[in-house]
């Protein structure tokens, strides 16, 4: 299995409603992806978050499922929304379990 974790930092102009919409849209991806074991998203409340407000996490059956995820049209639409509402930076971690 593969865990894919993304931390996203947004501009100060990004509203709490937009952050909640990012979480909602990401969670809705599950219905459109093959090879997903689990998919989670939420707002980072840690006081050590270094400005990264949103955490996105997906567990895939294998590397092939992770590779198919990137170009998936629904995933690309969520990524476009994230950029549209003020994404400044992101950290991506992929680990094999």
PDB file of N, CA and C in Angstrom:
ATOM      1  N   UNK A   1       0.830  -1.180   0.000  1.00  0.00           N
ATOM      2  CA  UNK A   1       0.000   0.000   0.000  1.00  0.00           C
ATOM      3  C   UNK A   1       0.876   1.245   0.000  1.00  0.00           C
ATOM      4  N   UNK A   2       0.294   2.313  -0.508  1.00  0.00           N
ATOM      5  CA  UNK A   2       0.969   3.606  -0.610  1.00  0.00           C
ATOM      6  C   UNK A   2       0.147   4.663   0.115  1.00  0.00           C
ATOM      7  N   UNK A   3       0.803   5.415   0.994  1.00  0.00           N
ATOM      8  CA  UNK A   3       0.175   6.592   1.605  1.00  0.00           C
ATOM      9  C   UNK A   3       0.685   7.832   0.896  1.00  0.00           C
ATOM     10  N   UNK A   4      -0.233   8.652   0.457  1.00  0.00           N
ATOM     11  CA  UNK A   4       0.051   9.916  -0.240  1.00  0.00           C
ATOM     12  C   UNK A   4      -0.503  11.029   0.643  1.00  0.00           C
ATOM     13  N   UNK A   5       0.385  11.883   1.151  1.00  0.00           N
ATOM     14  CA  UNK A   5      -0.007  12.933   2.085  1.00  0.00           C
ATOM     15  C   UNK A   5       0.437  14.274   1.531  1.00  0.00           C
ATOM     16  N   UNK A   6      -0.464  15.235   1.544  1.00  0.00           N
ATOM     17  CA  UNK A   6      -0.177  16.571   1.022  1.00  0.00           C
ATOM     18  C   UNK A   6      -0.549  17.606   2.084  1.00  0.00           C
ATOM     19  N   UNK A   7       0.379  18.505   2.382  1.00  0.00           N
ATOM     20  CA  UNK A   7       0.124  19.652   3.247  1.00  0.00           C
ATOM     21  C   UNK A   7       0.080  20.868   2.342  1.00  0.00           C
ATOM     22  N   UNK A   8      -0.940  21.713   2.505  1.00  0.00           N
ATOM     23  CA  UNK A   8      -1.106  22.856   1.608  1.00  0.00           C
ATOM     24  C   UNK A   8      -1.156  24.153   2.414  1.00  0.00           C
ATOM     25  N   UNK A   9      -0.395  25.139   1.932  1.00  0.00           N
ATOM     26  CA  UNK A   9      -0.367  26.476   2.522  1.00  0.00           C
ATOM     27  C   UNK A   9      -1.057  27.428   1.558  1.00  0.00           C
ATOM     28  N   UNK A  10      -1.944  28.258   2.109  1.00  0.00           N
ATOM     29  CA  UNK A  10      -2.722  29.179   1.290  1.00  0.00           C
ATOM     30  C   UNK A  10      -2.391  30.630   1.635  1.00  0.00           C
ATOM     31  N   UNK A  11      -2.773  31.505   0.737  1.00  0.00           N
ATOM     32  CA  UNK A  11      -2.590  32.946   0.922  1.00  0.00           C
ATOM     33  C   UNK A  11      -3.464  33.442   2.072  1.00  0.00           C
ATOM     34  N   UNK A  12      -3.091  34.571   2.639  1.00  0.00           N
ATOM     35  CA  UNK A  12      -3.891  35.174   3.710  1.00  0.00           C
ATOM     36  C   UNK A  12      -5.292  35.540   3.223  1.00  0.00           C
ATOM     37  N   UNK A  13      -5.433  35.771   1.923  1.00  0.00           N
ATOM     38  CA  UNK A  13      -6.733  36.148   1.361  1.00  0.00           C
ATOM     39  C   UNK A  13      -7.683  34.959   1.207  1.00  0.00           C
ATOM     40  N   UNK A  14      -7.188  33.732   1.354  1.00  0.00           N
ATOM     41  CA  UNK A  14      -8.041  32.547   1.252  1.00  0.00           C
ATOM     42  C   UNK A  14      -8.964  32.504   2.471  1.00  0.00           C
ATOM     43  N   UNK A  15     -10.262  32.383   2.223  1.00  0.00           N
ATOM     44  CA  UNK A  15     -11.242  32.432   3.314  1.00  0.00           C
ATOM     45  C   UNK A  15     -11.418  31.059   3.970  1.00  0.00           C
ATOM     46  N   UNK A  16     -11.920  31.045   5.196  1.00  0.00           N
ATOM     47  CA  UNK A  16     -12.240  29.765   5.836  1.00  0.00           C
ATOM     48  C   UNK A  16     -13.247  28.940   5.022  1.00  0.00           C
ATOM     49  N   UNK A  17     -14.163  29.613   4.355  1.00  0.00           N
ATOM     50  CA  UNK A  17     -15.136  28.908   3.508  1.00  0.00           C
ATOM     51  C   UNK A  17     -14.437  28.225   2.331  1.00  0.00           C
ATOM     52  N   UNK A  18     -13.465  28.887   1.744  1.00  0.00           N
ATOM     53  CA  UNK A  18     -12.717  28.286   0.644  1.00  0.00           C
ATOM     54  C   UNK A  18     -11.892  27.092   1.129  1.00  0.00           C
ATOM     55  N   UNK A  19     -11.291  27.200   2.305  1.00  0.00           N
ATOM     56  CA  UNK A  19     -10.545  26.070   2.866  1.00  0.00           C
ATOM     57  C   UNK A  19     -11.474  24.882   3.098  1.00  0.00           C
ATOM     58  N   UNK A  20     -12.664  25.141   3.629  1.00  0.00           N
ATOM     59  CA  UNK A  20     -13.641  24.076   3.843  1.00  0.00           C
ATOM     60  C   UNK A  20     -14.075  23.454   2.523  1.00  0.00           C
ATOM     61  N   UNK A  21     -14.169  24.264   1.482  1.00  0.00           N
ATOM     62  CA  UNK A  21     -14.543  23.759   0.150  1.00  0.00           C
ATOM     63  C   UNK A  21     -13.438  22.877  -0.422  1.00  0.00           C
ATOM     64  N   UNK A  22     -12.188  23.223  -0.184  1.00  0.00           N
ATOM     65  CA  UNK A  22     -11.063  22.370  -0.612  1.00  0.00           C
ATOM     66  C   UNK A  22     -11.211  20.994   0.027  1.00  0.00           C
ATOM     67  N   UNK A  23     -11.456  20.970   1.321  1.00  0.00           N
ATOM     68  CA  UNK A  23     -11.620  19.708   2.047  1.00  0.00           C
ATOM     69  C   UNK A  23     -12.788  18.917   1.471  1.00  0.00           C
ATOM     70  N   UNK A  24     -13.903  19.573   1.254  1.00  0.00           N
ATOM     71  CA  UNK A  24     -15.095  18.909   0.722  1.00  0.00           C
ATOM     72  C   UNK A  24     -14.862  18.334  -0.668  1.00  0.00           C
ATOM     73  N   UNK A  25     -14.263  19.128  -1.535  1.00  0.00           N
ATOM     74  CA  UNK A  25     -14.009  18.650  -2.909  1.00  0.00           C
ATOM     75  C   UNK A  25     -13.032  17.487  -2.924  1.00  0.00           C
ATOM     76  N   UNK A  26     -12.016  17.550  -2.063  1.00  0.00           N
ATOM     77  CA  UNK A  26     -11.051  16.456  -2.029  1.00  0.00           C
ATOM     78  C   UNK A  26     -11.719  15.164  -1.554  1.00  0.00           C
ATOM     79  N   UNK A  27     -12.519  15.254  -0.509  1.00  0.00           N
ATOM     80  CA  UNK A  27     -13.210  14.063  -0.003  1.00  0.00           C
ATOM     81  C   UNK A  27     -14.129  13.453  -1.054  1.00  0.00           C
ATOM     82  N   UNK A  28     -14.722  14.293  -1.892  1.00  0.00           N
ATOM     83  CA  UNK A  28     -15.628  13.811  -2.939  1.00  0.00           C
ATOM     84  C   UNK A  28     -14.889  13.041  -4.035  1.00  0.00           C
ATOM     85  N   UNK A  29     -13.575  13.166  -4.093  1.00  0.00           N
ATOM     86  CA  UNK A  29     -12.793  12.451  -5.106  1.00  0.00           C
ATOM     87  C   UNK A  29     -12.903  10.939  -4.976  1.00  0.00           C
ATOM     88  N   UNK A  30     -13.106  10.466  -3.781  1.00  0.00           N
ATOM     89  CA  UNK A  30     -13.093   9.018  -3.541  1.00  0.00           C
ATOM     90  C   UNK A  30     -13.966   8.250  -4.526  1.00  0.00           C
ATOM     91  N   UNK A  31     -15.100   8.808  -4.864  1.00  0.00           N
ATOM     92  CA  UNK A  31     -16.032   8.129  -5.780  1.00  0.00           C
ATOM     93  C   UNK A  31     -15.504   8.053  -7.207  1.00  0.00           C
ATOM     94  N   UNK A  32     -14.455   8.820  -7.510  1.00  0.00           N
ATOM     95  CA  UNK A  32     -13.955   8.903  -8.879  1.00  0.00           C
ATOM     96  C   UNK A  32     -12.581   8.270  -9.070  1.00  0.00           C
ATOM     97  N   UNK A  33     -12.060   7.610  -8.037  1.00  0.00           N
ATOM     98  CA  UNK A  33     -10.713   7.053  -8.103  1.00  0.00           C
ATOM     99  C   UNK A  33     -10.741   5.546  -7.930  1.00  0.00           C
ATOM    100  N   UNK A  34      -9.922   4.871  -8.701  1.00  0.00           N
ATOM    101  CA  UNK A  34      -9.763   3.425  -8.561  1.00  0.00           C
ATOM    102  C   UNK A  34      -8.549   3.141  -7.690  1.00  0.00           C
ATOM    103  N   UNK A  35      -8.601   2.064  -6.953  1.00  0.00           N
ATOM    104  CA  UNK A  35      -7.463   1.645  -6.156  1.00  0.00           C
ATOM    105  C   UNK A  35      -7.266   2.425  -4.869  1.00  0.00           C
ATOM    106  N   UNK A  36      -8.302   3.141  -4.428  1.00  0.00           N
ATOM    107  CA  UNK A  36      -8.216   3.908  -3.182  1.00  0.00           C
ATOM    108  C   UNK A  36      -8.722   3.051  -2.028  1.00  0.00           C
ATOM    109  N   UNK A  37      -7.911   2.936  -0.998  1.00  0.00           N
ATOM    110  CA  UNK A  37      -8.282   2.204   0.203  1.00  0.00           C
ATOM    111  C   UNK A  37      -8.928   3.154   1.209  1.00  0.00           C
ATOM    112  N   UNK A  38      -8.399   4.374   1.297  1.00  0.00           N
ATOM    113  CA  UNK A  38      -8.914   5.377   2.223  1.00  0.00           C
ATOM    114  C   UNK A  38      -8.570   6.759   1.683  1.00  0.00           C
ATOM    115  N   UNK A  39      -9.393   7.736   2.008  1.00  0.00           N
ATOM    116  CA  UNK A  39      -9.146   9.112   1.580  1.00  0.00           C
ATOM    117  C   UNK A  39      -9.659  10.039   2.675  1.00  0.00           C
ATOM    118  N   UNK A  40      -8.792  10.940   3.148  1.00  0.00           N
ATOM    119  CA  UNK A  40      -9.136  11.849   4.233  1.00  0.00           C
ATOM    120  C   UNK A  40      -8.677  13.259   3.886  1.00  0.00           C
ATOM    121  N   UNK A  41      -9.313  14.245   4.489  1.00  0.00           N
ATOM    122  CA  UNK A  41      -8.902  15.640   4.334  1.00  0.00           C
ATOM    123  C   UNK A  41      -9.415  16.408   5.534  1.00  0.00           C
ATOM    124  N   UNK A  42      -8.650  17.427   5.931  1.00  0.00           N
ATOM    125  CA  UNK A  42      -9.100  18.233   7.051  1.00  0.00           C
ATOM    126  C   UNK A  42      -8.245  19.464   7.230  1.00  0.00           C
ATOM    127  N   UNK A  43      -8.689  20.313   8.136  1.00  0.00           N
ATOM    128  CA  UNK A  43      -7.969  21.531   8.464  1.00  0.00           C
ATOM    129  C   UNK A  43      -6.958  21.225   9.562  1.00  0.00           C
ATOM    130  N   UNK A  44      -5.757  21.718   9.402  1.00  0.00           N
ATOM    131  CA  UNK A  44      -4.666  21.485  10.332  1.00  0.00           C
ATOM    132  C   UNK A  44      -4.788  22.454  11.505  1.00  0.00           C
ATOM    133  N   UNK A  45      -5.022  21.939  12.710  1.00  0.00           N
ATOM    134  CA  UNK A  45      -5.171  22.804  13.875  1.00  0.00           C
ATOM    135  C   UNK A  45      -3.919  22.826  14.758  1.00  0.00           C
ATOM    136  N   UNK A  46      -2.861  22.152  14.342  1.00  0.00           N
ATOM    137  CA  UNK A  46      -1.633  22.125  15.133  1.00  0.00           C
ATOM    138  C   UNK A  46      -1.031  23.517  15.264  1.00  0.00           C
ATOM    139  N   UNK A  47      -0.497  23.815  16.442  1.00  0.00           N
ATOM    140  CA  UNK A  47       0.179  25.099  16.612  1.00  0.00           C
ATOM    141  C   UNK A  47       1.600  25.056  16.042  1.00  0.00           C
ATOM    142  N   UNK A  48       1.998  23.915  15.477  1.00  0.00           N
ATOM    143  CA  UNK A  48       3.308  23.753  14.841  1.00  0.00           C
ATOM    144  C   UNK A  48       3.156  23.549  13.336  1.00  0.00           C
ATOM    145  N   UNK A  49       2.112  24.098  12.753  1.00  0.00           N
ATOM    146  CA  UNK A  49       1.763  23.816  11.353  1.00  0.00           C
ATOM    147  C   UNK A  49       2.602  24.564  10.326  1.00  0.00           C
ATOM    148  N   UNK A  50       3.401  25.529  10.741  1.00  0.00           N
ATOM    149  CA  UNK A  50       4.254  26.314   9.845  1.00  0.00           C
ATOM    150  C   UNK A  50       3.476  26.918   8.674  1.00  0.00           C
ATOM    151  N   UNK A  51       2.218  27.221   8.920  1.00  0.00           N
ATOM    152  CA  UNK A  51       1.397  27.880   7.913  1.00  0.00           C
ATOM    153  C   UNK A  51       0.654  26.957   6.970  1.00  0.00           C
ATOM    154  N   UNK A  52       0.815  25.640   7.107  1.00  0.00           N
ATOM    155  CA  UNK A  52       0.118  24.682   6.241  1.00  0.00           C
ATOM    156  C   UNK A  52      -1.249  24.396   6.853  1.00  0.00           C
ATOM    157  N   UNK A  53      -2.299  24.905   6.189  1.00  0.00           N
ATOM    158  CA  UNK A  53      -3.646  24.869   6.767  1.00  0.00           C
ATOM    159  C   UNK A  53      -4.451  23.617   6.453  1.00  0.00           C
ATOM    160  N   UNK A  54      -4.167  22.967   5.335  1.00  0.00           N
ATOM    161  CA  UNK A  54      -4.992  21.831   4.899  1.00  0.00           C
ATOM    162  C   UNK A  54      -4.114  20.594   4.732  1.00  0.00           C
ATOM    163  N   UNK A  55      -4.657  19.455   5.203  1.00  0.00           N
ATOM    164  CA  UNK A  55      -3.986  18.168   5.036  1.00  0.00           C
ATOM    165  C   UNK A  55      -4.885  17.280   4.187  1.00  0.00           C
ATOM    166  N   UNK A  56      -4.305  16.722   3.127  1.00  0.00           N
ATOM    167  CA  UNK A  56      -5.007  15.805   2.230  1.00  0.00           C
ATOM    168  C   UNK A  56      -4.265  14.473   2.287  1.00  0.00           C
ATOM    169  N   UNK A  57      -4.990  13.388   2.413  1.00  0.00           N
ATOM    170  CA  UNK A  57      -4.347  12.086   2.552  1.00  0.00           C
ATOM    171  C   UNK A  57      -5.132  11.036   1.780  1.00  0.00           C
ATOM    172  N   UNK A  58      -4.399  10.222   1.034  1.00  0.00           N
ATOM    173  CA  UNK A  58      -5.029   9.106   0.317  1.00  0.00           C
ATOM    174  C   UNK A  58      -4.160   7.872   0.482  1.00  0.00           C
ATOM    175  N   UNK A  59      -4.802   6.757   0.697  1.00  0.00           N
ATOM    176  CA  UNK A  59      -4.096   5.472   0.755  1.00  0.00           C
ATOM    177  C   UNK A  59      -4.510   4.679  -0.479  1.00  0.00           C
ATOM    178  N   UNK A  60      -3.513   4.277  -1.240  1.00  0.00           N
ATOM    179  CA  UNK A  60      -3.741   3.555  -2.487  1.00  0.00           C
ATOM    180  C   UNK A  60      -3.303   2.100  -2.347  1.00  0.00           C
ATOM    181  N   UNK A  61      -3.926   1.231  -3.135  1.00  0.00           N
ATOM    182  CA  UNK A  61      -3.589  -0.190  -3.110  1.00  0.00           C
ATOM    183  C   UNK A  61      -2.145  -0.433  -3.529  1.00  0.00           C
ATOM    184  N   UNK A  62      -1.678   0.368  -4.510  1.00  0.00           N
ATOM    185  CA  UNK A  62      -0.335   0.150  -5.043  1.00  0.00           C
ATOM    186  C   UNK A  62       0.145   1.410  -5.784  1.00  0.00           C
ATOM    187  N   UNK A  63       1.363   1.358  -6.278  1.00  0.00           N
ATOM    188  CA  UNK A  63       1.930   2.509  -6.991  1.00  0.00           C
ATOM    189  C   UNK A  63       1.178   2.816  -8.276  1.00  0.00           C
ATOM    190  N   UNK A  64       0.661   1.798  -8.935  1.00  0.00           N
ATOM    191  CA  UNK A  64      -0.089   2.024 -10.174  1.00  0.00           C
ATOM    192  C   UNK A  64      -1.323   2.888  -9.906  1.00  0.00           C
ATOM    193  N   UNK A  65      -2.007   2.645  -8.807  1.00  0.00           N
ATOM    194  CA  UNK A  65      -3.187   3.445  -8.453  1.00  0.00           C
ATOM    195  C   UNK A  65      -2.778   4.885  -8.152  1.00  0.00           C
ATOM    196  N   UNK A  66      -1.645   5.076  -7.470  1.00  0.00           N
ATOM    197  CA  UNK A  66      -1.140   6.432  -7.207  1.00  0.00           C
ATOM    198  C   UNK A  66      -0.800   7.136  -8.515  1.00  0.00           C
ATOM    199  N   UNK A  67      -0.162   6.440  -9.425  1.00  0.00           N
ATOM    200  CA  UNK A  67       0.214   7.033 -10.717  1.00  0.00           C
ATOM    201  C   UNK A  67      -1.016   7.414 -11.541  1.00  0.00           C
ATOM    202  N   UNK A  68      -2.084   6.648 -11.438  1.00  0.00           N
ATOM    203  CA  UNK A  68      -3.321   6.959 -12.167  1.00  0.00           C
ATOM    204  C   UNK A  68      -4.046   8.151 -11.554  1.00  0.00           C
ATOM    205  N   UNK A  69      -3.821   8.403 -10.285  1.00  0.00           N
ATOM    206  CA  UNK A  69      -4.475   9.488  -9.547  1.00  0.00           C
ATOM    207  C   UNK A  69      -4.074  10.867 -10.076  1.00  0.00           C
ATOM    208  N   UNK A  70      -2.804  11.063 -10.333  1.00  0.00           N
ATOM    209  CA  UNK A  70      -2.306  12.372 -10.776  1.00  0.00           C
ATOM    210  C   UNK A  70      -3.047  12.949 -11.974  1.00  0.00           C
ATOM    211  N   UNK A  71      -3.131  12.226 -13.074  1.00  0.00           N
ATOM    212  CA  UNK A  71      -3.792  12.772 -14.263  1.00  0.00           C
ATOM    213  C   UNK A  71      -5.314  12.631 -14.285  1.00  0.00           C
ATOM    214  N   UNK A  72      -5.896  12.007 -13.264  1.00  0.00           N
ATOM    215  CA  UNK A  72      -7.350  11.825 -13.211  1.00  0.00           C
ATOM    216  C   UNK A  72      -8.038  13.188 -13.353  1.00  0.00           C
ATOM    217  N   UNK A  73      -9.004  13.323 -14.261  1.00  0.00           N
ATOM    218  CA  UNK A  73      -9.657  14.618 -14.496  1.00  0.00           C
ATOM    219  C   UNK A  73     -10.313  15.228 -13.258  1.00  0.00           C
ATOM    220  N   UNK A  74     -10.928  14.407 -12.423  1.00  0.00           N
ATOM    221  CA  UNK A  74     -11.552  14.938 -11.212  1.00  0.00           C
ATOM    222  C   UNK A  74     -10.493  15.447 -10.231  1.00  0.00           C
ATOM    223  N   UNK A  75      -9.376  14.733 -10.135  1.00  0.00           N
ATOM    224  CA  UNK A  75      -8.270  15.193  -9.290  1.00  0.00           C
ATOM    225  C   UNK A  75      -7.706  16.492  -9.831  1.00  0.00           C
ATOM    226  N   UNK A  76      -7.558  16.591 -11.135  1.00  0.00           N
ATOM    227  CA  UNK A  76      -7.047  17.820 -11.748  1.00  0.00           C
ATOM    228  C   UNK A  76      -7.979  19.004 -11.484  1.00  0.00           C
ATOM    229  N   UNK A  77      -9.282  18.749 -11.452  1.00  0.00           N
ATOM    230  CA  UNK A  77     -10.246  19.824 -11.165  1.00  0.00           C
ATOM    231  C   UNK A  77     -10.089  20.321  -9.724  1.00  0.00           C
ATOM    232  N   UNK A  78      -9.879  19.410  -8.780  1.00  0.00           N
ATOM    233  CA  UNK A  78      -9.665  19.807  -7.385  1.00  0.00           C
ATOM    234  C   UNK A  78      -8.351  20.579  -7.272  1.00  0.00           C
ATOM    235  N   UNK A  79      -7.313  20.104  -7.938  1.00  0.00           N
ATOM    236  CA  UNK A  79      -6.020  20.794  -7.917  1.00  0.00           C
ATOM    237  C   UNK A  79      -6.149  22.207  -8.487  1.00  0.00           C
ATOM    238  N   UNK A  80      -6.934  22.359  -9.536  1.00  0.00           N
ATOM    239  CA  UNK A  80      -7.151  23.682 -10.131  1.00  0.00           C
ATOM    240  C   UNK A  80      -7.866  24.599  -9.143  1.00  0.00           C
ATOM    241  N   UNK A  81      -8.846  24.077  -8.420  1.00  0.00           N
ATOM    242  CA  UNK A  81      -9.548  24.886  -7.422  1.00  0.00           C
ATOM    243  C   UNK A  81      -8.589  25.314  -6.309  1.00  0.00           C
ATOM    244  N   UNK A  82      -7.738  24.408  -5.877  1.00  0.00           N
ATOM    245  CA  UNK A  82      -6.757  24.723  -4.836  1.00  0.00           C
ATOM    246  C   UNK A  82      -5.856  25.874  -5.290  1.00  0.00           C
ATOM    247  N   UNK A  83      -5.410  25.843  -6.518  1.00  0.00           N
ATOM    248  CA  UNK A  83      -4.585  26.942  -7.053  1.00  0.00           C
ATOM    249  C   UNK A  83      -5.402  28.228  -7.148  1.00  0.00           C
ATOM    250  N   UNK A  84      -6.648  28.105  -7.583  1.00  0.00           N
ATOM    251  CA  UNK A  84      -7.533  29.261  -7.782  1.00  0.00           C
ATOM    252  C   UNK A  84      -7.783  30.030  -6.483  1.00  0.00           C
ATOM    253  N   UNK A  85      -7.903  29.313  -5.364  1.00  0.00           N
ATOM    254  CA  UNK A  85      -8.224  29.983  -4.105  1.00  0.00           C
ATOM    255  C   UNK A  85      -6.999  30.427  -3.320  1.00  0.00           C
ATOM    256  N   UNK A  86      -5.811  30.291  -3.914  1.00  0.00           N
ATOM    257  CA  UNK A  86      -4.647  30.908  -3.293  1.00  0.00           C
ATOM    258  C   UNK A  86      -3.560  30.006  -2.763  1.00  0.00           C
ATOM    259  N   UNK A  87      -3.398  28.820  -3.332  1.00  0.00           N
ATOM    260  CA  UNK A  87      -2.308  27.938  -2.908  1.00  0.00           C
ATOM    261  C   UNK A  87      -0.973  28.664  -3.041  1.00  0.00           C
ATOM    262  N   UNK A  88      -0.209  28.674  -1.962  1.00  0.00           N
ATOM    263  CA  UNK A  88       1.129  29.259  -1.982  1.00  0.00           C
ATOM    264  C   UNK A  88       2.214  28.198  -2.079  1.00  0.00           C
ATOM    265  N   UNK A  89       1.992  27.077  -1.395  1.00  0.00           N
ATOM    266  CA  UNK A  89       3.020  26.036  -1.336  1.00  0.00           C
ATOM    267  C   UNK A  89       2.355  24.730  -0.920  1.00  0.00           C
ATOM    268  N   UNK A  90       3.036  23.638  -1.208  1.00  0.00           N
ATOM    269  CA  UNK A  90       2.571  22.345  -0.721  1.00  0.00           C
ATOM    270  C   UNK A  90       3.766  21.427  -0.518  1.00  0.00           C
ATOM    271  N   UNK A  91       3.591  20.502   0.393  1.00  0.00           N
ATOM    272  CA  UNK A  91       4.577  19.460   0.659  1.00  0.00           C
ATOM    273  C   UNK A  91       3.877  18.137   0.384  1.00  0.00           C
ATOM    274  N   UNK A  92       4.516  17.283  -0.391  1.00  0.00           N
ATOM    275  CA  UNK A  92       3.945  15.986  -0.735  1.00  0.00           C
ATOM    276  C   UNK A  92       4.860  14.891  -0.193  1.00  0.00           C
ATOM    277  N   UNK A  93       4.243  13.891   0.454  1.00  0.00           N
ATOM    278  CA  UNK A  93       4.969  12.752   0.969  1.00  0.00           C
ATOM    279  C   UNK A  93       4.276  11.486   0.467  1.00  0.00           C
ATOM    280  N   UNK A  94       5.050  10.597  -0.135  1.00  0.00           N
ATOM    281  CA  UNK A  94       4.544   9.290  -0.550  1.00  0.00           C
ATOM    282  C   UNK A  94       5.382   8.230   0.137  1.00  0.00           C
ATOM    283  N   UNK A  95       4.715   7.318   0.851  1.00  0.00           N
ATOM    284  CA  UNK A  95       5.444   6.234   1.508  1.00  0.00           C
ATOM    285  C   UNK A  95       4.784   4.902   1.193  1.00  0.00           C
ATOM    286  N   UNK A  96       5.622   3.877   1.097  1.00  0.00           N
ATOM    287  CA  UNK A  96       5.116   2.535   0.858  1.00  0.00           C
ATOM    288  C   UNK A  96       5.051   1.809   2.188  1.00  0.00           C
ATOM    289  N   UNK A  97       3.908   1.218   2.450  1.00  0.00           N
ATOM    290  CA  UNK A  97       3.701   0.520   3.733  1.00  0.00           C
ATOM    291  C   UNK A  97       3.966  -0.950   3.608  1.00  0.00           C
TER     292      UNK A  97
END
